[in-house]
Each structure stands twice: as structure tokens, then as C-alpha cells.
Amino acid sequence: MRLRIAVAIAIGAVIIGYFAWPLAQPQDPYGVVSFIAGNMTRDSVLKLAALAVLCSLLAFFISWPYGKYLAILAVPSGLAVWALRSGNMAELMRQNPTAAERLRLFSQIEWEPFSWLAIVALGVLVAHICQKFLSRNSSSGAESKSSLVKSYYITFAIALGVSVLLAKLLLMVFAQDVKIADDKIGAVIVQVTTAQTVFAILVSFGIAAFVVKKFLDVSYICPIVATALVHPAVITIYLKPEVMERLFECWPAVFYPNAIASILPIQMVAFGTLGSIAGYWLAVRYNFWRTHES
């Protein structure tokens, strides 16, 4: 099993992360990988989508009979390599020096995570379609399907809210760097390092996935979707015009009112997805251990 996991991760890391790097590589060595501020074009996005399908297919069949569970690791692993090779949010702040430009930038970044989530979702969808196509099990219980679907959507909505809230709170705990008090906006925090960001995202979404699986019995899909909702929540709450004006007037470009604002969307979605999958399976193993402990 461990070998299959390593192979699924390696497929995405090598094909997307290494060979497809020119699709996203910024012209500036310190530039960021971004749909709205990077080097991604429409052709690049289409090629990335095709590679996501390819990686998911390869990982599915190579890791058979666990393809449904392991193939979903390929695409976020490739994006994670891009995230590690990317510059950070401070570079975007430098390129947008005025308060108005930064407000406009964050209004675009607010929704960028959904673009990266769509690429990840494509890989997940391919794995599930392959499993569905190859599965010989027929569906049953149609008479109770309606009530089960309604109950599932209610539980999913609750779990999604819990995932977003818990991940946001934990990110503010684990994504730490130098923090300085400010008499107008409370405090500012310097750009969080890449290593600290990766650790914070993996742990935060891992814990969120563990909690919603343990107490609400939902899959990793819920916290994965939550990776795209943290940025809109944080930008709406913390990055108001008066706050950005204060930052522009009194602080260098590497300071933010919230640590999450220093995280790139690709970092959030890629590492958040990997953390969510890991947290889900830790909860599954924990439940199994509790059930079968002597």
C-alpha cells in the first residue's frame, strides 16, 4: 500500500510538478504561480486539465485495486510542487504598491482558489468515474434514495461550515511569524515562510478532515471543498479598505492583518487537499482501532 501511495504521488509530482512546470513558470524568478497574476494562459489551463486527467488515470490503474482512493493524490501532489517552486504573496504586494491596487488584487485572489479546486476536482472525478465504470456492484434501495440524499446534503453543509471555520482558526494558530501590535488594526504579521505555510495547511486541514469524519462521518470531499472557501472568508472579514489603507501608510509590503492573507491560493488548495485526505484516513484508522480494540 505504501508503495502504491508513493507511486500515485510521484506520478503527479513528476508529470505536473516537473515536466509541466513551463506551463506555469513565471518570467520573474521570484514570481508567483497564479491564474490571475502569474504566467498561466488559456492554453496552459487546458493543457493542465488534460494532464490532470492523464495523471489521475495513470495513478488509478497503477495503484489498482486501490485506485479510487489513491489516484486523487496525483493532481494535488503536482500542484504542490508548483506551489513550492512559486514565489510568495509578498512579491504580488511589491508588484501592486498602492492600497487601491492591493484591494483589486485581493478581490481577484478571493475567487482564484476555485480555479485550482476545479483542477483537483477533475482528478477526483476521473478516479470516481473509472471506479464506477469498472465496478460490478449494482445499486439498490431506490425507494429510500431521496431521504438519504436529503440527509447527506444537510450533513455535508454542516461539515463544510465546520471545516472552513476549524481550518481558518487552526491556520491562524499554526501559520505564525513575527507579529507586531498596531493601535488601529490590532496587529500585523510578516509574510509567513513557505515551510511554515506548508506545515500549517497540512496540519490544519488534516485536523479538520479528521474531526468531520469522526463526528459527522463525511468523506474527504468536504474539507477539500473548504480549501477554496477560506480565502473568501478571510479577505471579506480582514482585508477591508480601511485596513489596506493603514497597511499601505504604515507598514512594508510584507506585512498583513492576518497570516492567511499571506498564503497563495495554489498553496491552500494543493496542500489543503493532501492534508484533508491524510486526516480522513487517520480518522478511518482511528475508528477501526477503537472498534476492534481489545
C-alpha atoms as a PDB file:
ATOM      1  CA  MET A   1       0.000   0.000   0.000  1.00  0.00           C
ATOM      2  CA  ARG A   2       2.776   2.447   0.903  1.00  0.00           C
ATOM      3  CA  LEU A   3       4.453   1.804  -2.430  1.00  0.00           C
ATOM      4  CA  ARG A   4       1.186   2.496  -4.261  1.00  0.00           C
ATOM      5  CA  ILE A   5       0.752   5.754  -2.335  1.00  0.00           C
ATOM      6  CA  ALA A   6       4.301   6.810  -3.205  1.00  0.00           C
ATOM      7  CA  VAL A   7       3.752   5.965  -6.886  1.00  0.00           C
ATOM      8  CA  ALA A   8       0.470   7.918  -7.050  1.00  0.00           C
ATOM      9  CA  ILE A   9       2.161  10.961  -5.512  1.00  0.00           C
ATOM     10  CA  ALA A  10       5.206  10.590  -7.756  1.00  0.00           C
ATOM     11  CA  ILE A  11       3.086  10.472 -10.920  1.00  0.00           C
ATOM     12  CA  GLY A  12       1.616  13.902 -10.236  1.00  0.00           C
ATOM     13  CA  ALA A  13       4.844  15.352  -8.881  1.00  0.00           C
ATOM     14  CA  VAL A  14       6.837  14.279 -11.937  1.00  0.00           C
ATOM     15  CA  ILE A  15       4.327  14.858 -14.759  1.00  0.00           C
ATOM     16  CA  ILE A  16       2.681  18.071 -13.498  1.00  0.00           C
ATOM     17  CA  GLY A  17       5.208  19.328 -10.985  1.00  0.00           C
ATOM     18  CA  TYR A  18       8.344  18.815 -13.084  1.00  0.00           C
ATOM     19  CA  PHE A  19       7.622  18.274 -16.786  1.00  0.00           C
ATOM     20  CA  ALA A  20       4.636  20.663 -16.927  1.00  0.00           C
ATOM     21  CA  TRP A  21       6.362  23.412 -14.942  1.00  0.00           C
ATOM     22  CA  PRO A  22       6.844  25.580 -18.080  1.00  0.00           C
ATOM     23  CA  LEU A  23       3.047  25.933 -18.230  1.00  0.00           C
ATOM     24  CA  ALA A  24       3.086  27.978 -15.023  1.00  0.00           C
ATOM     25  CA  GLN A  25       6.686  29.143 -14.701  1.00  0.00           C
ATOM     26  CA  PRO A  26       6.752  32.913 -14.053  1.00  0.00           C
ATOM     27  CA  GLN A  27       9.054  35.063 -16.148  1.00  0.00           C
ATOM     28  CA  ASP A  28      10.393  36.592 -12.946  1.00  0.00           C
ATOM     29  CA  PRO A  29      12.423  34.046 -10.902  1.00  0.00           C
ATOM     30  CA  TYR A  30      10.613  35.340  -7.792  1.00  0.00           C
ATOM     31  CA  GLY A  31       7.205  35.464  -9.478  1.00  0.00           C
ATOM     32  CA  VAL A  32       4.183  33.552  -8.276  1.00  0.00           C
ATOM     33  CA  VAL A  33       2.149  30.738  -9.814  1.00  0.00           C
ATOM     34  CA  SER A  34      -1.311  32.193 -10.208  1.00  0.00           C
ATOM     35  CA  PHE A  35      -4.221  32.252 -12.627  1.00  0.00           C
ATOM     36  CA  ILE A  36      -4.709  35.978 -12.206  1.00  0.00           C
ATOM     37  CA  ALA A  37      -1.192  37.274 -11.593  1.00  0.00           C
ATOM     38  CA  GLY A  38       1.125  34.621 -12.980  1.00  0.00           C
ATOM     39  CA  ASN A  39       2.107  33.214 -16.352  1.00  0.00           C
ATOM     40  CA  MET A  40      -0.960  30.972 -16.874  1.00  0.00           C
ATOM     41  CA  THR A  41      -2.746  31.368 -20.218  1.00  0.00           C
ATOM     42  CA  ARG A  42      -5.919  29.747 -21.544  1.00  0.00           C
ATOM     43  CA  ASP A  43      -3.822  27.175 -23.422  1.00  0.00           C
ATOM     44  CA  SER A  44      -1.853  26.477 -20.246  1.00  0.00           C
ATOM     45  CA  VAL A  45      -5.052  25.840 -18.308  1.00  0.00           C
ATOM     46  CA  LEU A  46      -6.365  23.440 -20.967  1.00  0.00           C
ATOM     47  CA  LYS A  47      -3.076  21.553 -21.024  1.00  0.00           C
ATOM     48  CA  LEU A  48      -3.067  21.404 -17.222  1.00  0.00           C
ATOM     49  CA  ALA A  49      -6.603  19.990 -17.246  1.00  0.00           C
ATOM     50  CA  ALA A  50      -5.554  17.332 -19.766  1.00  0.00           C
ATOM     51  CA  LEU A  51      -2.534  16.426 -17.649  1.00  0.00           C
ATOM     52  CA  ALA A  52      -4.760  16.205 -14.571  1.00  0.00           C
ATOM     53  CA  VAL A  53      -6.897  13.624 -16.368  1.00  0.00           C
ATOM     54  CA  LEU A  54      -3.800  11.731 -17.533  1.00  0.00           C
ATOM     55  CA  CYS A  55      -2.194  11.678 -14.077  1.00  0.00           C
ATOM     56  CA  SER A  56      -5.400  10.524 -12.434  1.00  0.00           C
ATOM     57  CA  LEU A  57      -5.839   7.727 -14.993  1.00  0.00           C
ATOM     58  CA  LEU A  58      -2.249   6.539 -14.613  1.00  0.00           C
ATOM     59  CA  ALA A  59      -2.415   6.647 -10.828  1.00  0.00           C
ATOM     60  CA  PHE A  60      -5.764   4.845 -10.840  1.00  0.00           C
ATOM     61  CA  PHE A  61      -4.616   1.848 -12.857  1.00  0.00           C
ATOM     62  CA  ILE A  62      -1.097   1.633 -11.433  1.00  0.00           C
ATOM     63  CA  SER A  63      -2.428   1.638  -7.849  1.00  0.00           C
ATOM     64  CA  TRP A  64      -5.264  -0.795  -8.626  1.00  0.00           C
ATOM     65  CA  PRO A  65      -7.276  -2.156  -6.769  1.00  0.00           C
ATOM     66  CA  TYR A  66      -6.990   0.980  -4.586  1.00  0.00           C
ATOM     67  CA  GLY A  67      -7.118   3.391  -7.494  1.00  0.00           C
ATOM     68  CA  LYS A  68     -10.276   5.177  -6.341  1.00  0.00           C
ATOM     69  CA  TYR A  69      -8.581   6.129  -3.080  1.00  0.00           C
ATOM     70  CA  LEU A  70      -5.021   6.782  -4.252  1.00  0.00           C
ATOM     71  CA  ALA A  71      -5.447   8.348  -7.705  1.00  0.00           C
ATOM     72  CA  ILE A  72      -6.801  11.514  -6.084  1.00  0.00           C
ATOM     73  CA  LEU A  73      -3.320  12.156  -4.669  1.00  0.00           C
ATOM     74  CA  ALA A  74      -1.715  12.677  -8.078  1.00  0.00           C
ATOM     75  CA  VAL A  75      -3.058  16.086  -9.121  1.00  0.00           C
ATOM     76  CA  PRO A  76      -2.637  17.923  -5.779  1.00  0.00           C
ATOM     77  CA  SER A  77       0.875  16.472  -5.495  1.00  0.00           C
ATOM     78  CA  GLY A  78       1.783  18.015  -8.834  1.00  0.00           C
ATOM     79  CA  LEU A  79       0.257  21.357  -7.846  1.00  0.00           C
ATOM     80  CA  ALA A  80       2.113  21.148  -4.526  1.00  0.00           C
ATOM     81  CA  VAL A  81       5.414  21.041  -6.414  1.00  0.00           C
ATOM     82  CA  TRP A  82       4.354  24.160  -8.303  1.00  0.00           C
ATOM     83  CA  ALA A  83       3.429  25.822  -5.006  1.00  0.00           C
ATOM     84  CA  LEU A  84       6.865  25.050  -3.586  1.00  0.00           C
ATOM     85  CA  ARG A  85       8.592  26.469  -6.665  1.00  0.00           C
ATOM     86  CA  SER A  86       6.428  29.599  -6.677  1.00  0.00           C
ATOM     87  CA  GLY A  87       7.260  32.933  -5.131  1.00  0.00           C
ATOM     88  CA  ASN A  88       5.110  34.197  -2.267  1.00  0.00           C
ATOM     89  CA  MET A  89       2.374  36.754  -1.727  1.00  0.00           C
ATOM     90  CA  ALA A  90       4.906  39.461  -0.822  1.00  0.00           C
ATOM     91  CA  GLU A  91       6.008  39.516  -4.464  1.00  0.00           C
ATOM     92  CA  LEU A  92       2.437  40.358  -5.516  1.00  0.00           C
ATOM     93  CA  MET A  93       2.361  43.105  -2.895  1.00  0.00           C
ATOM     94  CA  ARG A  94       5.550  44.528  -4.368  1.00  0.00           C
ATOM     95  CA  GLN A  95       4.050  44.480  -7.858  1.00  0.00           C
ATOM     96  CA  ASN A  96       0.918  46.279  -6.576  1.00  0.00           C
ATOM     97  CA  PRO A  97       2.329  49.089  -4.429  1.00  0.00           C
ATOM     98  CA  THR A  98      -0.788  51.188  -3.765  1.00  0.00           C
ATOM     99  CA  ALA A  99      -3.700  50.415  -1.469  1.00  0.00           C
ATOM    100  CA  ALA A 100      -6.170  50.516  -4.368  1.00  0.00           C
ATOM    101  CA  GLU A 101      -4.104  48.077  -6.421  1.00  0.00           C
ATOM    102  CA  ARG A 102      -3.819  45.685  -3.493  1.00  0.00           C
ATOM    103  CA  LEU A 103      -7.553  45.817  -2.864  1.00  0.00           C
ATOM    104  CA  ARG A 104      -8.162  44.992  -6.503  1.00  0.00           C
ATOM    105  CA  LEU A 105      -5.601  42.188  -6.319  1.00  0.00           C
ATOM    106  CA  PHE A 106      -7.233  40.572  -3.283  1.00  0.00           C
ATOM    107  CA  SER A 107     -10.673  40.916  -4.846  1.00  0.00           C
ATOM    108  CA  GLN A 108      -9.350  38.674  -7.641  1.00  0.00           C
ATOM    109  CA  ILE A 109      -7.418  36.331  -5.355  1.00  0.00           C
ATOM    110  CA  GLU A 110     -10.586  35.870  -3.316  1.00  0.00           C
ATOM    111  CA  TRP A 111     -12.036  33.589  -6.005  1.00  0.00           C
ATOM    112  CA  GLU A 112      -8.880  32.106  -7.523  1.00  0.00           C
ATOM    113  CA  PRO A 113      -8.912  29.039  -5.194  1.00  0.00           C
ATOM    114  CA  PHE A 114     -11.986  27.763  -7.061  1.00  0.00           C
ATOM    115  CA  SER A 115      -9.925  27.572 -10.265  1.00  0.00           C
ATOM    116  CA  TRP A 116      -7.300  25.387  -8.588  1.00  0.00           C
ATOM    117  CA  LEU A 117     -10.040  23.389  -6.895  1.00  0.00           C
ATOM    118  CA  ALA A 118     -11.560  22.688 -10.327  1.00  0.00           C
ATOM    119  CA  ILE A 119      -8.265  21.114 -11.453  1.00  0.00           C
ATOM    120  CA  VAL A 120      -8.135  18.963  -8.316  1.00  0.00           C
ATOM    121  CA  ALA A 121     -11.811  18.058  -8.716  1.00  0.00           C
ATOM    122  CA  LEU A 122     -11.124  16.923 -12.270  1.00  0.00           C
ATOM    123  CA  GLY A 123      -8.640  14.372 -10.971  1.00  0.00           C
ATOM    124  CA  VAL A 124     -11.061  13.195  -8.285  1.00  0.00           C
ATOM    125  CA  LEU A 125     -13.869  12.924 -10.827  1.00  0.00           C
ATOM    126  CA  VAL A 126     -11.768  10.812 -13.205  1.00  0.00           C
ATOM    127  CA  ALA A 127     -10.904   8.392 -10.387  1.00  0.00           C
ATOM    128  CA  HIS A 128     -14.548   8.029  -9.374  1.00  0.00           C
ATOM    129  CA  ILE A 129     -15.724   7.567 -12.980  1.00  0.00           C
ATOM    130  CA  CYS A 130     -13.129   4.833 -13.522  1.00  0.00           C
ATOM    131  CA  GLN A 131     -14.205   3.092 -10.327  1.00  0.00           C
ATOM    132  CA  LYS A 132     -17.858   3.370 -11.330  1.00  0.00           C
ATOM    133  CA  PHE A 133     -17.146   2.003 -14.789  1.00  0.00           C
ATOM    134  CA  LEU A 134     -15.155  -0.963 -13.506  1.00  0.00           C
ATOM    135  CA  SER A 135     -17.377  -1.754 -10.550  1.00  0.00           C
ATOM    136  CA  ARG A 136     -19.709  -4.693 -10.965  1.00  0.00           C
ATOM    137  CA  ASN A 137     -21.867  -3.804  -7.988  1.00  0.00           C
ATOM    138  CA  SER A 138     -25.368  -2.694  -8.927  1.00  0.00           C
ATOM    139  CA  SER A 139     -27.170  -0.003  -6.972  1.00  0.00           C
ATOM    140  CA  SER A 140     -30.168  -0.864  -4.799  1.00  0.00           C
ATOM    141  CA  GLY A 141     -32.523   0.691  -2.306  1.00  0.00           C
ATOM    142  CA  ALA A 142     -34.005   3.234  -4.703  1.00  0.00           C
ATOM    143  CA  GLU A 143     -37.074   3.663  -2.525  1.00  0.00           C
ATOM    144  CA  SER A 144     -35.030   5.291   0.248  1.00  0.00           C
ATOM    145  CA  LYS A 145     -32.681   7.217  -2.042  1.00  0.00           C
ATOM    146  CA  SER A 146     -34.496  10.560  -1.769  1.00  0.00           C
ATOM    147  CA  SER A 147     -34.415  10.747   2.022  1.00  0.00           C
ATOM    148  CA  LEU A 148     -30.803   9.580   2.138  1.00  0.00           C
ATOM    149  CA  VAL A 149     -29.725  12.246  -0.349  1.00  0.00           C
ATOM    150  CA  LYS A 150     -31.501  14.977   1.619  1.00  0.00           C
ATOM    151  CA  SER A 151     -29.873  13.848   4.861  1.00  0.00           C
ATOM    152  CA  TYR A 152     -26.474  13.693   3.169  1.00  0.00           C
ATOM    153  CA  TYR A 153     -26.704  17.263   1.846  1.00  0.00           C
ATOM    154  CA  ILE A 154     -27.654  18.597   5.272  1.00  0.00           C
ATOM    155  CA  THR A 155     -24.747  16.777   6.889  1.00  0.00           C
ATOM    156  CA  PHE A 156     -22.399  17.914   4.125  1.00  0.00           C
ATOM    157  CA  ALA A 157     -23.406  21.560   4.570  1.00  0.00           C
ATOM    158  CA  ILE A 158     -22.796  21.365   8.324  1.00  0.00           C
ATOM    159  CA  ALA A 159     -19.466  19.607   7.811  1.00  0.00           C
ATOM    160  CA  LEU A 160     -18.421  22.182   5.218  1.00  0.00           C
ATOM    161  CA  GLY A 161     -19.078  25.034   7.622  1.00  0.00           C
ATOM    162  CA  VAL A 162     -17.191  23.234  10.387  1.00  0.00           C
ATOM    163  CA  SER A 163     -14.273  22.525   8.024  1.00  0.00           C
ATOM    164  CA  VAL A 164     -13.955  26.165   6.946  1.00  0.00           C
ATOM    165  CA  LEU A 165     -14.203  27.517  10.487  1.00  0.00           C
ATOM    166  CA  LEU A 166     -11.850  24.946  12.000  1.00  0.00           C
ATOM    167  CA  ALA A 167      -9.268  25.246   9.214  1.00  0.00           C
ATOM    168  CA  LYS A 168      -9.326  29.048   9.478  1.00  0.00           C
ATOM    169  CA  LEU A 169      -8.820  29.006  13.247  1.00  0.00           C
ATOM    170  CA  LEU A 170      -6.051  26.412  13.072  1.00  0.00           C
ATOM    171  CA  LEU A 171      -4.256  28.243  10.272  1.00  0.00           C
ATOM    172  CA  MET A 172      -4.177  31.350  12.433  1.00  0.00           C
ATOM    173  CA  VAL A 173      -2.560  29.231  15.154  1.00  0.00           C
ATOM    174  CA  PHE A 174      -0.008  27.323  13.050  1.00  0.00           C
ATOM    175  CA  ALA A 175       0.838  29.891  10.341  1.00  0.00           C
ATOM    176  CA  GLN A 176       2.995  32.086  12.539  1.00  0.00           C
ATOM    177  CA  ASP A 177       5.830  34.538  12.049  1.00  0.00           C
ATOM    178  CA  VAL A 178       6.835  37.909  13.503  1.00  0.00           C
ATOM    179  CA  LYS A 179       3.760  39.732  14.810  1.00  0.00           C
ATOM    180  CA  ILE A 180       3.722  43.423  15.767  1.00  0.00           C
ATOM    181  CA  ALA A 181       0.964  45.361  17.510  1.00  0.00           C
ATOM    182  CA  ASP A 182      -0.820  48.148  15.662  1.00  0.00           C
ATOM    183  CA  ASP A 183      -3.018  50.636  17.523  1.00  0.00           C
ATOM    184  CA  LYS A 184      -5.545  50.878  14.657  1.00  0.00           C
ATOM    185  CA  ILE A 185      -5.947  47.321  13.325  1.00  0.00           C
ATOM    186  CA  GLY A 186      -4.766  45.328  16.341  1.00  0.00           C
ATOM    187  CA  ALA A 187      -1.671  43.619  14.947  1.00  0.00           C
ATOM    188  CA  VAL A 188       0.147  42.836  11.735  1.00  0.00           C
ATOM    189  CA  ILE A 189       2.107  39.713  10.828  1.00  0.00           C
ATOM    190  CA  VAL A 190       5.024  39.389   8.454  1.00  0.00           C
ATOM    191  CA  GLN A 191       4.962  37.123   5.384  1.00  0.00           C
ATOM    192  CA  VAL A 192       4.868  33.522   6.636  1.00  0.00           C
ATOM    193  CA  THR A 193       7.700  31.379   5.267  1.00  0.00           C
ATOM    194  CA  THR A 194       6.892  28.681   2.723  1.00  0.00           C
ATOM    195  CA  ALA A 195       7.908  25.828   5.030  1.00  0.00           C
ATOM    196  CA  GLN A 196       5.722  27.162   7.854  1.00  0.00           C
ATOM    197  CA  THR A 197       2.857  27.690   5.419  1.00  0.00           C
ATOM    198  CA  VAL A 198       3.044  24.106   4.150  1.00  0.00           C
ATOM    199  CA  PHE A 199       3.108  22.748   7.697  1.00  0.00           C
ATOM    200  CA  ALA A 200       0.195  24.931   8.786  1.00  0.00           C
ATOM    201  CA  ILE A 201      -2.024  23.989   5.836  1.00  0.00           C
ATOM    202  CA  LEU A 202      -1.325  20.256   6.063  1.00  0.00           C
ATOM    203  CA  VAL A 203      -1.978  20.117   9.798  1.00  0.00           C
ATOM    204  CA  SER A 204      -4.995  22.445   9.781  1.00  0.00           C
ATOM    205  CA  PHE A 205      -6.903  20.640   7.047  1.00  0.00           C
ATOM    206  CA  GLY A 206      -5.750  17.292   8.367  1.00  0.00           C
ATOM    207  CA  ILE A 207      -7.323  18.050  11.726  1.00  0.00           C
ATOM    208  CA  ALA A 208     -10.459  19.469  10.085  1.00  0.00           C
ATOM    209  CA  ALA A 209     -10.875  16.324   7.959  1.00  0.00           C
ATOM    210  CA  PHE A 210     -10.289  14.106  10.993  1.00  0.00           C
ATOM    211  CA  VAL A 211     -12.950  15.942  13.010  1.00  0.00           C
ATOM    212  CA  VAL A 212     -15.676  15.936  10.350  1.00  0.00           C
ATOM    213  CA  LYS A 213     -15.049  12.269   9.562  1.00  0.00           C
ATOM    214  CA  LYS A 214     -15.004  11.278  13.227  1.00  0.00           C
ATOM    215  CA  PHE A 215     -18.103  13.178  14.337  1.00  0.00           C
ATOM    216  CA  LEU A 216     -20.127  13.706  11.133  1.00  0.00           C
ATOM    217  CA  ASP A 217     -18.923  10.720   9.086  1.00  0.00           C
ATOM    218  CA  VAL A 218     -18.351  12.639   5.844  1.00  0.00           C
ATOM    219  CA  SER A 219     -15.634  11.988   3.284  1.00  0.00           C
ATOM    220  CA  TYR A 220     -12.539  13.981   2.397  1.00  0.00           C
ATOM    221  CA  ILE A 221     -14.557  15.811  -0.287  1.00  0.00           C
ATOM    222  CA  CYS A 222     -15.960  18.201   2.304  1.00  0.00           C
ATOM    223  CA  PRO A 223     -12.641  19.590   3.652  1.00  0.00           C
ATOM    224  CA  ILE A 224     -11.238  19.620   0.118  1.00  0.00           C
ATOM    225  CA  VAL A 225     -14.064  21.950  -0.938  1.00  0.00           C
ATOM    226  CA  ALA A 226     -13.324  24.017   2.170  1.00  0.00           C
ATOM    227  CA  THR A 227      -9.815  24.757   0.841  1.00  0.00           C
ATOM    228  CA  ALA A 228     -11.421  27.127  -1.677  1.00  0.00           C
ATOM    229  CA  LEU A 229     -13.620  28.882   0.891  1.00  0.00           C
ATOM    230  CA  VAL A 230     -11.032  30.003   3.437  1.00  0.00           C
ATOM    231  CA  HIS A 231      -9.632  32.794   1.259  1.00  0.00           C
ATOM    232  CA  PRO A 232     -13.037  34.406   0.539  1.00  0.00           C
ATOM    233  CA  ALA A 233     -13.890  34.281   4.256  1.00  0.00           C
ATOM    234  CA  VAL A 234     -10.587  35.823   5.385  1.00  0.00           C
ATOM    235  CA  ILE A 235     -10.486  38.502   2.680  1.00  0.00           C
ATOM    236  CA  THR A 236     -14.073  39.520   3.413  1.00  0.00           C
ATOM    237  CA  ILE A 237     -13.507  39.723   7.174  1.00  0.00           C
ATOM    238  CA  TYR A 238      -9.980  41.120   7.464  1.00  0.00           C
ATOM    239  CA  LEU A 239      -8.983  42.916   4.263  1.00  0.00           C
ATOM    240  CA  LYS A 240     -11.346  45.865   4.329  1.00  0.00           C
ATOM    241  CA  PRO A 241     -10.411  49.116   2.505  1.00  0.00           C
ATOM    242  CA  GLU A 242      -9.524  50.953   5.711  1.00  0.00           C
ATOM    243  CA  VAL A 243      -7.252  48.099   6.786  1.00  0.00           C
ATOM    244  CA  MET A 244      -5.433  48.053   3.452  1.00  0.00           C
ATOM    245  CA  GLU A 245      -5.044  51.828   3.621  1.00  0.00           C
ATOM    246  CA  ARG A 246      -3.490  51.517   7.081  1.00  0.00           C
ATOM    247  CA  LEU A 247      -1.084  48.826   5.863  1.00  0.00           C
ATOM    248  CA  PHE A 248      -0.113  50.960   2.890  1.00  0.00           C
ATOM    249  CA  GLU A 249       0.548  54.035   5.006  1.00  0.00           C
ATOM    250  CA  CYS A 250       2.407  52.461   7.940  1.00  0.00           C
ATOM    251  CA  TRP A 251       3.815  49.046   7.058  1.00  0.00           C
ATOM    252  CA  PRO A 252       6.086  47.455   4.411  1.00  0.00           C
ATOM    253  CA  ALA A 253       4.568  45.222   1.753  1.00  0.00           C
ATOM    254  CA  VAL A 254       5.472  42.023   3.624  1.00  0.00           C
ATOM    255  CA  PHE A 255       3.006  42.722   6.472  1.00  0.00           C
ATOM    256  CA  TYR A 256      -0.611  41.529   6.588  1.00  0.00           C
ATOM    257  CA  PRO A 257      -3.515  41.871   9.008  1.00  0.00           C
ATOM    258  CA  ASN A 258      -3.920  38.083   9.057  1.00  0.00           C
ATOM    259  CA  ALA A 259      -1.437  35.279   8.374  1.00  0.00           C
ATOM    260  CA  ILE A 260      -3.840  33.557   5.969  1.00  0.00           C
ATOM    261  CA  ALA A 261      -3.692  36.610   3.696  1.00  0.00           C
ATOM    262  CA  SER A 262      -0.040  35.754   3.011  1.00  0.00           C
ATOM    263  CA  ILE A 263      -0.944  32.296   1.640  1.00  0.00           C
ATOM    264  CA  LEU A 264      -1.287  31.815  -2.111  1.00  0.00           C
ATOM    265  CA  PRO A 265      -4.440  30.076  -3.415  1.00  0.00           C
ATOM    266  CA  ILE A 266      -2.407  27.290  -5.041  1.00  0.00           C
ATOM    267  CA  GLN A 267      -0.730  26.601  -1.694  1.00  0.00           C
ATOM    268  CA  MET A 268      -4.052  26.456   0.105  1.00  0.00           C
ATOM    269  CA  VAL A 269      -5.738  24.094  -2.357  1.00  0.00           C
ATOM    270  CA  ALA A 270      -2.794  21.793  -3.095  1.00  0.00           C
ATOM    271  CA  PHE A 271      -1.580  21.214   0.448  1.00  0.00           C
ATOM    272  CA  GLY A 272      -5.092  21.529   1.896  1.00  0.00           C
ATOM    273  CA  THR A 273      -6.241  18.662  -0.341  1.00  0.00           C
ATOM    274  CA  LEU A 274      -3.321  16.455   0.682  1.00  0.00           C
ATOM    275  CA  GLY A 275      -3.908  17.270   4.355  1.00  0.00           C
ATOM    276  CA  SER A 276      -7.631  16.548   4.019  1.00  0.00           C
ATOM    277  CA  ILE A 277      -7.013  13.115   2.515  1.00  0.00           C
ATOM    278  CA  ALA A 278      -4.458  12.265   5.199  1.00  0.00           C
ATOM    279  CA  GLY A 279      -6.743  13.450   8.009  1.00  0.00           C
ATOM    280  CA  TYR A 280      -9.674  11.459   6.631  1.00  0.00           C
ATOM    281  CA  TRP A 281      -7.736   8.204   6.541  1.00  0.00           C
ATOM    282  CA  LEU A 282      -6.292   8.821  10.006  1.00  0.00           C
ATOM    283  CA  ALA A 283      -9.878   9.110  11.257  1.00  0.00           C
ATOM    284  CA  VAL A 284     -10.814   5.872   9.453  1.00  0.00           C
ATOM    285  CA  ARG A 285      -7.896   4.055  11.089  1.00  0.00           C
ATOM    286  CA  TYR A 286      -8.726   5.571  14.463  1.00  0.00           C
ATOM    287  CA  ASN A 287     -12.359   4.439  14.210  1.00  0.00           C
ATOM    288  CA  PHE A 288     -11.219   0.956  13.188  1.00  0.00           C
ATOM    289  CA  TRP A 289      -8.829   0.806  16.127  1.00  0.00           C
ATOM    290  CA  ARG A 290     -11.499   1.940  18.579  1.00  0.00           C
ATOM    291  CA  THR A 291     -13.972  -0.596  17.215  1.00  0.00           C
ATOM    292  CA  HIS A 292     -11.594  -3.542  17.336  1.00  0.00           C
ATOM    293  CA  GLU A 293      -9.501  -2.703  20.392  1.00  0.00           C
ATOM    294  CA  SER A 294      -9.423  -5.449  22.936  1.00  0.00           C
END
